[in-house]
Each structure stands twice: as structure tokens, then as C-alpha cells.
Amino acid sequence: QVQLVESGGGLVQAGGSLRLSCAASGRTFSTYAMGWFRQAPRKERLLVASISSSGGSTYYADSVKGRFTISRDNAKNTVYLQMNSLKPEDTAVYYCAARSTGWGPRSIIPTQYDYWGQGTQVTVSS
């Protein structure tokens, strides 16, 4: 069992930055691939970025490439999402998720993840 708790969301002006954190419980965090998803009102939940268990491989959605950076600290059981040059269209609830079956092409699919956090709201004003 893994429990995930996100933090760091808030209201920011366009062009600003935020850093999301996701703290995980349990001693097996380093064995999970991790993902950050977001869901805007009346839209589906989409992968923003994912990272392998070691941190050696990452994936970004085209919409955030060059602006967002995913990273992890396995010693602290935490995964991060650094978000720069934020745009109003980045407004959404952001969720972190843990996947036990590794990192790869199927990591973009929400149902491939075993555990989810409660989400943190990010609002970007224009």
C-alpha cells in the first residue's frame, strides 16, 4: 500500500512558476514509476509527465515540454513537478500517481497506475 499526498498548488499569474511535491508513504517508493496527471473541469485526466523508478527516464506531454520538469528523490520518498512559464491553460487539478509495473509507453494511461493522491489545484490567471 502506498499513500500519496500532493502539495504546492495555488494561484499564480501567467508566466510564473510553481513546484508541486508528492510525498509517498511506505518503504517501496523507489520501486514505483511515478506520474503527474492533470484534469481540468469537464475534461479527461491526462498525463503531464512521468519518471522511472530510478529517475533515469522521463516523459513529457508535448504541451509542457521545455516548461515542466519532473524529478524524484527516493531517499525522501518524494516526486516533484517544477512548472515554469505557466499559462492559463495549465489550470487544473494536478494528481500524482504510482505505477508498480514499471515505466514505458503505457505510462500515459491513467488506469495503469495503482495509487493516486488526492490532487492539488493549480490556477493560472491571465
Foldseek 3Di string as FASTA:
>chain_A
DKAKAKDWADEEAAQAKIKMKIAIDDLCLLQWKKWKWWDAPPGDIWTAKIAWSPRPDMDGDPVQPPFWDWGDDSVRRMIMIIGGRDDQVVWTWMKMFIANPTDDPCVGPPVRTDYIYPTDTHGYHD
